[in-house]
PDB file of N, CA and C in Angstrom:
ATOM      1  N   MET A   1      94.417 111.611 101.421  1.00  0.00           N
ATOM      2  CA  MET A   1      94.088 112.611 100.425  1.00  0.00           C
ATOM      3  C   MET A   1      92.601 112.962 100.390  1.00  0.00           C
ATOM      4  N   PRO A   2      91.712 112.070 100.757  1.00  0.00           N
ATOM      5  CA  PRO A   2      90.300 112.473 100.766  1.00  0.00           C
ATOM      6  C   PRO A   2      90.052 113.714 101.623  1.00  0.00           C
ATOM      7  N   ALA A   3      90.827 113.903 102.692  1.00  0.00           N
ATOM      8  CA  ALA A   3      90.649 115.090 103.532  1.00  0.00           C
ATOM      9  C   ALA A   3      90.949 116.358 102.733  1.00  0.00           C
ATOM     10  N   LEU A   4      92.032 116.351 101.958  1.00  0.00           N
ATOM     11  CA  LEU A   4      92.370 117.518 101.145  1.00  0.00           C
ATOM     12  C   LEU A   4      91.302 117.742 100.079  1.00  0.00           C
ATOM     13  N   ALA A   5      90.783 116.681  99.497  1.00  0.00           N
ATOM     14  CA  ALA A   5      89.719 116.817  98.491  1.00  0.00           C
ATOM     15  C   ALA A   5      88.469 117.444  99.107  1.00  0.00           C
ATOM     16  N   ARG A   6      88.150 117.073 100.325  1.00  0.00           N
ATOM     17  CA  ARG A   6      86.993 117.689 100.998  1.00  0.00           C
ATOM     18  C   ARG A   6      87.300 119.135 101.372  1.00  0.00           C
ATOM     19  N   GLU A   7      88.515 119.360 101.900  1.00  0.00           N
ATOM     20  CA  GLU A   7      88.939 120.694 102.316  1.00  0.00           C
ATOM     21  C   GLU A   7      88.893 121.697 101.165  1.00  0.00           C
ATOM     22  N   ARG A   8      89.284 121.241 100.002  1.00  0.00           N
ATOM     23  CA  ARG A   8      89.341 122.125  98.826  1.00  0.00           C
ATOM     24  C   ARG A   8      88.052 122.067  97.994  1.00  0.00           C
ATOM     25  N   HIS A   9      87.025 121.468  98.557  1.00  0.00           N
ATOM     26  CA  HIS A   9      85.669 121.443  97.979  1.00  0.00           C
ATOM     27  C   HIS A   9      85.537 120.629  96.698  1.00  0.00           C
ATOM     28  N   CYS A  10      86.466 119.730  96.442  1.00  0.00           N
ATOM     29  CA  CYS A  10      86.375 118.865  95.264  1.00  0.00           C
ATOM     30  C   CYS A  10      85.119 117.993  95.325  1.00  0.00           C
ATOM     31  N   MET A  11      84.769 117.584  96.548  1.00  0.00           N
ATOM     32  CA  MET A  11      83.659 116.654  96.724  1.00  0.00           C
ATOM     33  C   MET A  11      82.300 117.330  96.523  1.00  0.00           C
ATOM     34  N   ASN A  12      82.288 118.651  96.347  1.00  0.00           N
ATOM     35  CA  ASN A  12      81.028 119.330  96.019  1.00  0.00           C
ATOM     36  C   ASN A  12      80.556 118.942  94.626  1.00  0.00           C
ATOM     37  N   CYS A  13      81.491 118.632  93.729  1.00  0.00           N
ATOM     38  CA  CYS A  13      81.153 118.315  92.338  1.00  0.00           C
ATOM     39  C   CYS A  13      81.536 116.902  91.920  1.00  0.00           C
ATOM     40  N   HIS A  14      82.349 116.227  92.720  1.00  0.00           N
ATOM     41  CA  HIS A  14      82.836 114.887  92.381  1.00  0.00           C
ATOM     42  C   HIS A  14      82.575 113.913  93.517  1.00  0.00           C
ATOM     43  N   ALA A  15      82.497 112.640  93.173  1.00  0.00           N
ATOM     44  CA  ALA A  15      82.442 111.550  94.145  1.00  0.00           C
ATOM     45  C   ALA A  15      83.429 110.491  93.673  1.00  0.00           C
ATOM     46  N   LEU A  16      83.751 109.557  94.542  1.00  0.00           N
ATOM     47  CA  LEU A  16      84.694 108.508  94.157  1.00  0.00           C
ATOM     48  C   LEU A  16      84.151 107.629  93.045  1.00  0.00           C
ATOM     49  N   ASP A  17      82.902 107.183  93.174  1.00  0.00           N
ATOM     50  CA  ASP A  17      82.414 106.119  92.301  1.00  0.00           C
ATOM     51  C   ASP A  17      81.154 106.428  91.504  1.00  0.00           C
ATOM     52  N   HIS A  18      80.725 107.683  91.501  1.00  0.00           N
ATOM     53  CA  HIS A  18      79.570 108.045  90.673  1.00  0.00           C
ATOM     54  C   HIS A  18      79.644 109.516  90.279  1.00  0.00           C
ATOM     55  N   LYS A  19      79.033 109.816  89.148  1.00  0.00           N
ATOM     56  CA  LYS A  19      78.997 111.183  88.626  1.00  0.00           C
ATOM     57  C   LYS A  19      78.129 112.042  89.529  1.00  0.00           C
ATOM     58  N   VAL A  20      78.589 113.238  89.823  1.00  0.00           N
ATOM     59  CA  VAL A  20      77.784 114.235  90.523  1.00  0.00           C
ATOM     60  C   VAL A  20      77.594 115.331  89.484  1.00  0.00           C
ATOM     61  N   VAL A  21      78.233 116.469  89.613  1.00  0.00           N
ATOM     62  CA  VAL A  21      78.270 117.473  88.550  1.00  0.00           C
ATOM     63  C   VAL A  21      79.398 117.104  87.589  1.00  0.00           C
ATOM     64  N   GLY A  22      80.527 116.749  88.180  1.00  0.00           N
ATOM     65  CA  GLY A  22      81.680 116.303  87.404  1.00  0.00           C
ATOM     66  C   GLY A  22      81.777 114.789  87.446  1.00  0.00           C
ATOM     67  N   PRO A  23      82.723 114.246  86.720  1.00  0.00           N
ATOM     68  CA  PRO A  23      82.861 112.785  86.656  1.00  0.00           C
ATOM     69  C   PRO A  23      83.329 112.183  87.975  1.00  0.00           C
ATOM     70  N   ALA A  24      83.045 110.901  88.143  1.00  0.00           N
ATOM     71  CA  ALA A  24      83.562 110.161  89.299  1.00  0.00           C
ATOM     72  C   ALA A  24      85.082 110.120  89.209  1.00  0.00           C
ATOM     73  N   PHE A  25      85.732 110.235  90.335  1.00  0.00           N
ATOM     74  CA  PHE A  25      87.193 110.168  90.340  1.00  0.00           C
ATOM     75  C   PHE A  25      87.690 108.847  89.770  1.00  0.00           C
ATOM     76  N   GLU A  26      86.978 107.759  90.021  1.00  0.00           N
ATOM     77  CA  GLU A  26      87.383 106.468  89.464  1.00  0.00           C
ATOM     78  C   GLU A  26      87.321 106.483  87.936  1.00  0.00           C
ATOM     79  N   ASP A  27      86.355 107.194  87.361  1.00  0.00           N
ATOM     80  CA  ASP A  27      86.267 107.304  85.903  1.00  0.00           C
ATOM     81  C   ASP A  27      87.423 108.127  85.344  1.00  0.00           C
ATOM     82  N   VAL A  28      87.802 109.163  86.062  1.00  0.00           N
ATOM     83  CA  VAL A  28      88.959 109.968  85.642  1.00  0.00           C
ATOM     84  C   VAL A  28      90.208 109.086  85.650  1.00  0.00           C
ATOM     85  N   ALA A  29      90.376 108.311  86.709  1.00  0.00           N
ATOM     86  CA  ALA A  29      91.542 107.417  86.815  1.00  0.00           C
ATOM     87  C   ALA A  29      91.561 106.423  85.665  1.00  0.00           C
ATOM     88  N   LYS A  30      90.404 105.873  85.306  1.00  0.00           N
ATOM     89  CA  LYS A  30      90.339 104.913  84.188  1.00  0.00           C
ATOM     90  C   LYS A  30      90.693 105.581  82.865  1.00  0.00           C
ATOM     91  N   ARG A  31      90.140 106.782  82.638  1.00  0.00           N
ATOM     92  CA  ARG A  31      90.394 107.463  81.366  1.00  0.00           C
ATOM     93  C   ARG A  31      91.871 107.755  81.169  1.00  0.00           C
ATOM     94  N   TYR A  32      92.552 108.155  82.224  1.00  0.00           N
ATOM     95  CA  TYR A  32      93.942 108.585  82.103  1.00  0.00           C
ATOM     96  C   TYR A  32      94.946 107.533  82.586  1.00  0.00           C
ATOM     97  N   ALA A  33      94.513 106.297  82.757  1.00  0.00           N
ATOM     98  CA  ALA A  33      95.401 105.224  83.195  1.00  0.00           C
ATOM     99  C   ALA A  33      96.603 105.105  82.257  1.00  0.00           C
ATOM    100  N   GLY A  34      97.781 105.032  82.841  1.00  0.00           N
ATOM    101  CA  GLY A  34      98.998 104.870  82.055  1.00  0.00           C
ATOM    102  C   GLY A  34      99.460 106.127  81.345  1.00  0.00           C
ATOM    103  N   GLN A  35      98.822 107.270  81.624  1.00  0.00           N
ATOM    104  CA  GLN A  35      99.182 108.522  80.968  1.00  0.00           C
ATOM    105  C   GLN A  35      99.755 109.495  81.994  1.00  0.00           C
ATOM    106  N   GLY A  36     100.868 109.107  82.591  1.00  0.00           N
ATOM    107  CA  GLY A  36     101.499 109.930  83.614  1.00  0.00           C
ATOM    108  C   GLY A  36     101.797 111.350  83.173  1.00  0.00           C
ATOM    109  N   ALA A  37     102.001 111.542  81.886  1.00  0.00           N
ATOM    110  CA  ALA A  37     102.279 112.883  81.375  1.00  0.00           C
ATOM    111  C   ALA A  37     101.075 113.810  81.527  1.00  0.00           C
ATOM    112  N   MET A  38      99.905 113.253  81.799  1.00  0.00           N
ATOM    113  CA  MET A  38      98.709 114.072  81.970  1.00  0.00           C
ATOM    114  C   MET A  38      98.659 114.747  83.337  1.00  0.00           C
ATOM    115  N   LEU A  39      99.443 114.275  84.304  1.00  0.00           N
ATOM    116  CA  LEU A  39      99.367 114.823  85.652  1.00  0.00           C
ATOM    117  C   LEU A  39      99.524 116.338  85.685  1.00  0.00           C
ATOM    118  N   PRO A  40     100.559 116.930  85.076  1.00  0.00           N
ATOM    119  CA  PRO A  40     100.681 118.391  85.141  1.00  0.00           C
ATOM    120  C   PRO A  40      99.534 119.110  84.418  1.00  0.00           C
ATOM    121  N   LYS A  41      99.050 118.529  83.325  1.00  0.00           N
ATOM    122  CA  LYS A  41      97.940 119.160  82.595  1.00  0.00           C
ATOM    123  C   LYS A  41      96.666 119.135  83.426  1.00  0.00           C
ATOM    124  N   LEU A  42      96.403 118.005  84.067  1.00  0.00           N
ATOM    125  CA  LEU A  42      95.204 117.896  84.897  1.00  0.00           C
ATOM    126  C   LEU A  42      95.323 118.775  86.140  1.00  0.00           C
ATOM    127  N   ALA A  43      96.506 118.858  86.716  1.00  0.00           N
ATOM    128  CA  ALA A  43      96.709 119.720  87.883  1.00  0.00           C
ATOM    129  C   ALA A  43      96.458 121.184  87.511  1.00  0.00           C
ATOM    130  N   ALA A  44      96.928 121.585  86.346  1.00  0.00           N
ATOM    131  CA  ALA A  44      96.679 122.955  85.891  1.00  0.00           C
ATOM    132  C   ALA A  44      95.190 123.199  85.693  1.00  0.00           C
ATOM    133  N   LYS A  45      94.481 122.192  85.197  1.00  0.00           N
ATOM    134  CA  LYS A  45      93.038 122.328  84.986  1.00  0.00           C
ATOM    135  C   LYS A  45      92.302 122.476  86.318  1.00  0.00           C
ATOM    136  N   VAL A  46      92.784 121.802  87.352  1.00  0.00           N
ATOM    137  CA  VAL A  46      92.176 121.942  88.679  1.00  0.00           C
ATOM    138  C   VAL A  46      92.256 123.400  89.135  1.00  0.00           C
ATOM    139  N   VAL A  47      93.411 124.024  88.946  1.00  0.00           N
ATOM    140  CA  VAL A  47      93.619 125.394  89.408  1.00  0.00           C
ATOM    141  C   VAL A  47      92.935 126.408  88.493  1.00  0.00           C
ATOM    142  N   ARG A  48      93.111 126.257  87.169  1.00  0.00           N
ATOM    143  CA  ARG A  48      92.626 127.271  86.221  1.00  0.00           C
ATOM    144  C   ARG A  48      91.238 126.995  85.659  1.00  0.00           C
ATOM    145  N   GLY A  49      90.772 125.760  85.785  1.00  0.00           N
ATOM    146  CA  GLY A  49      89.483 125.395  85.206  1.00  0.00           C
ATOM    147  C   GLY A  49      89.645 125.025  83.739  1.00  0.00           C
ATOM    148  N   GLY A  50      88.563 124.632  83.122  1.00  0.00           N
ATOM    149  CA  GLY A  50      88.587 124.253  81.713  1.00  0.00           C
ATOM    150  C   GLY A  50      87.349 123.476  81.367  1.00  0.00           C
ATOM    151  N   GLY A  51      87.222 123.107  80.126  1.00  0.00           N
ATOM    152  CA  GLY A  51      86.018 122.395  79.713  1.00  0.00           C
ATOM    153  C   GLY A  51      86.259 121.485  78.539  1.00  0.00           C
ATOM    154  N   GLY A  52      85.213 120.746  78.198  1.00  0.00           N
ATOM    155  CA  GLY A  52      85.248 119.928  76.999  1.00  0.00           C
ATOM    156  C   GLY A  52      85.575 118.471  77.190  1.00  0.00           C
ATOM    157  N   ALA A  53      86.270 118.109  78.255  1.00  0.00           N
ATOM    158  CA  ALA A  53      86.727 116.730  78.405  1.00  0.00           C
ATOM    159  C   ALA A  53      85.618 115.773  78.861  1.00  0.00           C
ATOM    160  N   TRP A  54      84.635 116.282  79.592  1.00  0.00           N
ATOM    161  CA  TRP A  54      83.607 115.418  80.180  1.00  0.00           C
ATOM    162  C   TRP A  54      82.204 115.906  79.870  1.00  0.00           C
ATOM    163  N   GLY A  55      82.041 116.698  78.840  1.00  0.00           N
ATOM    164  CA  GLY A  55      80.712 117.169  78.490  1.00  0.00           C
ATOM    165  C   GLY A  55      80.604 118.679  78.596  1.00  0.00           C
ATOM    166  N   PRO A  56      79.382 119.175  78.601  1.00  0.00           N
ATOM    167  CA  PRO A  56      79.169 120.621  78.502  1.00  0.00           C
ATOM    168  C   PRO A  56      79.445 121.418  79.775  1.00  0.00           C
ATOM    169  N   VAL A  57      79.503 120.777  80.943  1.00  0.00           N
ATOM    170  CA  VAL A  57      79.723 121.523  82.181  1.00  0.00           C
ATOM    171  C   VAL A  57      81.222 121.700  82.392  1.00  0.00           C
ATOM    172  N   PRO A  58      81.704 122.942  82.385  1.00  0.00           N
ATOM    173  CA  PRO A  58      83.149 123.163  82.539  1.00  0.00           C
ATOM    174  C   PRO A  58      83.604 122.975  83.981  1.00  0.00           C
ATOM    175  N   MET A  59      84.865 122.644  84.128  1.00  0.00           N
ATOM    176  CA  MET A  59      85.504 122.593  85.440  1.00  0.00           C
ATOM    177  C   MET A  59      85.782 124.037  85.839  1.00  0.00           C
ATOM    178  N   PRO A  60      85.240 124.488  86.989  1.00  0.00           N
ATOM    179  CA  PRO A  60      85.507 125.874  87.388  1.00  0.00           C
ATOM    180  C   PRO A  60      86.949 126.027  87.884  1.00  0.00           C
ATOM    181  N   ALA A  61      87.451 127.236  87.809  1.00  0.00           N
ATOM    182  CA  ALA A  61      88.773 127.531  88.363  1.00  0.00           C
ATOM    183  C   ALA A  61      88.715 127.388  89.877  1.00  0.00           C
ATOM    184  N   ASN A  62      89.812 126.949  90.454  1.00  0.00           N
ATOM    185  CA  ASN A  62      89.928 126.773  91.906  1.00  0.00           C
ATOM    186  C   ASN A  62      91.186 127.476  92.395  1.00  0.00           C
ATOM    187  N   PRO A  63      91.182 128.801  92.407  1.00  0.00           N
ATOM    188  CA  PRO A  63      92.404 129.527  92.775  1.00  0.00           C
ATOM    189  C   PRO A  63      92.842 129.312  94.220  1.00  0.00           C
ATOM    190  N   GLN A  64      91.948 128.771  95.073  1.00  0.00           N
ATOM    191  CA  GLN A  64      92.325 128.488  96.463  1.00  0.00           C
ATOM    192  C   GLN A  64      93.196 127.246  96.563  1.00  0.00           C
ATOM    193  N   VAL A  65      93.273 126.457  95.495  1.00  0.00           N
ATOM    194  CA  VAL A  65      94.103 125.254  95.455  1.00  0.00           C
ATOM    195  C   VAL A  65      95.477 125.648  94.931  1.00  0.00           C
ATOM    196  N   THR A  66      96.512 125.362  95.698  1.00  0.00           N
ATOM    197  CA  THR A  66      97.865 125.689  95.243  1.00  0.00           C
ATOM    198  C   THR A  66      98.282 124.692  94.165  1.00  0.00           C
ATOM    199  N   PRO A  67      99.249 125.046  93.336  1.00  0.00           N
ATOM    200  CA  PRO A  67      99.733 124.096  92.330  1.00  0.00           C
ATOM    201  C   PRO A  67     100.219 122.786  92.957  1.00  0.00           C
ATOM    202  N   ASP A  68     100.886 122.853  94.110  1.00  0.00           N
ATOM    203  CA  ASP A  68     101.351 121.627  94.770  1.00  0.00           C
ATOM    204  C   ASP A  68     100.166 120.783  95.239  1.00  0.00           C
ATOM    205  N   GLU A  69      99.151 121.417  95.812  1.00  0.00           N
ATOM    206  CA  GLU A  69      97.961 120.678  96.229  1.00  0.00           C
ATOM    207  C   GLU A  69      97.266 120.054  95.030  1.00  0.00           C
ATOM    208  N   ALA A  70      97.215 120.789  93.919  1.00  0.00           N
ATOM    209  CA  ALA A  70      96.578 120.252  92.713  1.00  0.00           C
ATOM    210  C   ALA A  70      97.316 119.011  92.229  1.00  0.00           C
ATOM    211  N   ARG A  71      98.642 119.035  92.239  1.00  0.00           N
ATOM    212  CA  ARG A  71      99.423 117.854  91.844  1.00  0.00           C
ATOM    213  C   ARG A  71      99.146 116.681  92.781  1.00  0.00           C
ATOM    214  N   GLN A  72      99.063 116.953  94.082  1.00  0.00           N
ATOM    215  CA  GLN A  72      98.771 115.897  95.054  1.00  0.00           C
ATOM    216  C   GLN A  72      97.384 115.306  94.810  1.00  0.00           C
ATOM    217  N   LEU A  73      96.413 116.172  94.588  1.00  0.00           N
ATOM    218  CA  LEU A  73      95.041 115.710  94.351  1.00  0.00           C
ATOM    219  C   LEU A  73      94.947 114.866  93.091  1.00  0.00           C
ATOM    220  N   VAL A  74      95.568 115.333  92.015  1.00  0.00           N
ATOM    221  CA  VAL A  74      95.507 114.592  90.756  1.00  0.00           C
ATOM    222  C   VAL A  74      96.241 113.259  90.883  1.00  0.00           C
ATOM    223  N   ALA A  75      97.386 113.256  91.535  1.00  0.00           N
ATOM    224  CA  ALA A  75      98.110 111.984  91.735  1.00  0.00           C
ATOM    225  C   ALA A  75      97.243 111.000  92.510  1.00  0.00           C
ATOM    226  N   TRP A  76      96.538 111.476  93.522  1.00  0.00           N
ATOM    227  CA  TRP A  76      95.633 110.621  94.291  1.00  0.00           C
ATOM    228  C   TRP A  76      94.506 110.097  93.404  1.00  0.00           C
ATOM    229  N   VAL A  77      93.875 110.982  92.645  1.00  0.00           N
ATOM    230  CA  VAL A  77      92.770 110.546  91.767  1.00  0.00           C
ATOM    231  C   VAL A  77      93.278 109.498  90.784  1.00  0.00           C
ATOM    232  N   LEU A  78      94.419 109.733  90.177  1.00  0.00           N
ATOM    233  CA  LEU A  78      94.936 108.785  89.181  1.00  0.00           C
ATOM    234  C   LEU A  78      95.330 107.451  89.803  1.00  0.00           C
ATOM    235  N   SER A  79      95.539 107.419  91.104  1.00  0.00           N
ATOM    236  CA  SER A  79      95.887 106.162  91.781  1.00  0.00           C
ATOM    237  C   SER A  79      94.666 105.295  92.090  1.00  0.00           C
ATOM    238  N   LEU A  80      93.481 105.792  91.831  1.00  0.00           N
ATOM    239  CA  LEU A  80      92.253 105.101  92.233  1.00  0.00           C
ATOM    240  C   LEU A  80      91.856 103.934  91.345  1.00  0.00           C
ATOM    241  N   ARG A  81      92.515 103.713  90.247  1.00  0.00           N
ATOM    242  CA  ARG A  81      92.095 102.633  89.348  1.00  0.00           C
ATOM    243  C   ARG A  81      92.274 101.269  89.936  1.00  0.00           C
TER     244      ARG A  81
END
């Protein structure tokens, strides 16, 4: 999955273990641990963007990411704990 994250430019704003512009993927996994119902909401946020969850910098929309790719990416991130 890291290849898809790089391909879809996720790594421009995120890293596995430290904050860049957005939160570290490991921090996202910790925050949402045990909350499987969050997967579709987080996948939608990857595609449509949104803000407020991690501070003042909003998540930009990523229309180049398909809904299926977004689900795959979020499932991978949530598995990092």
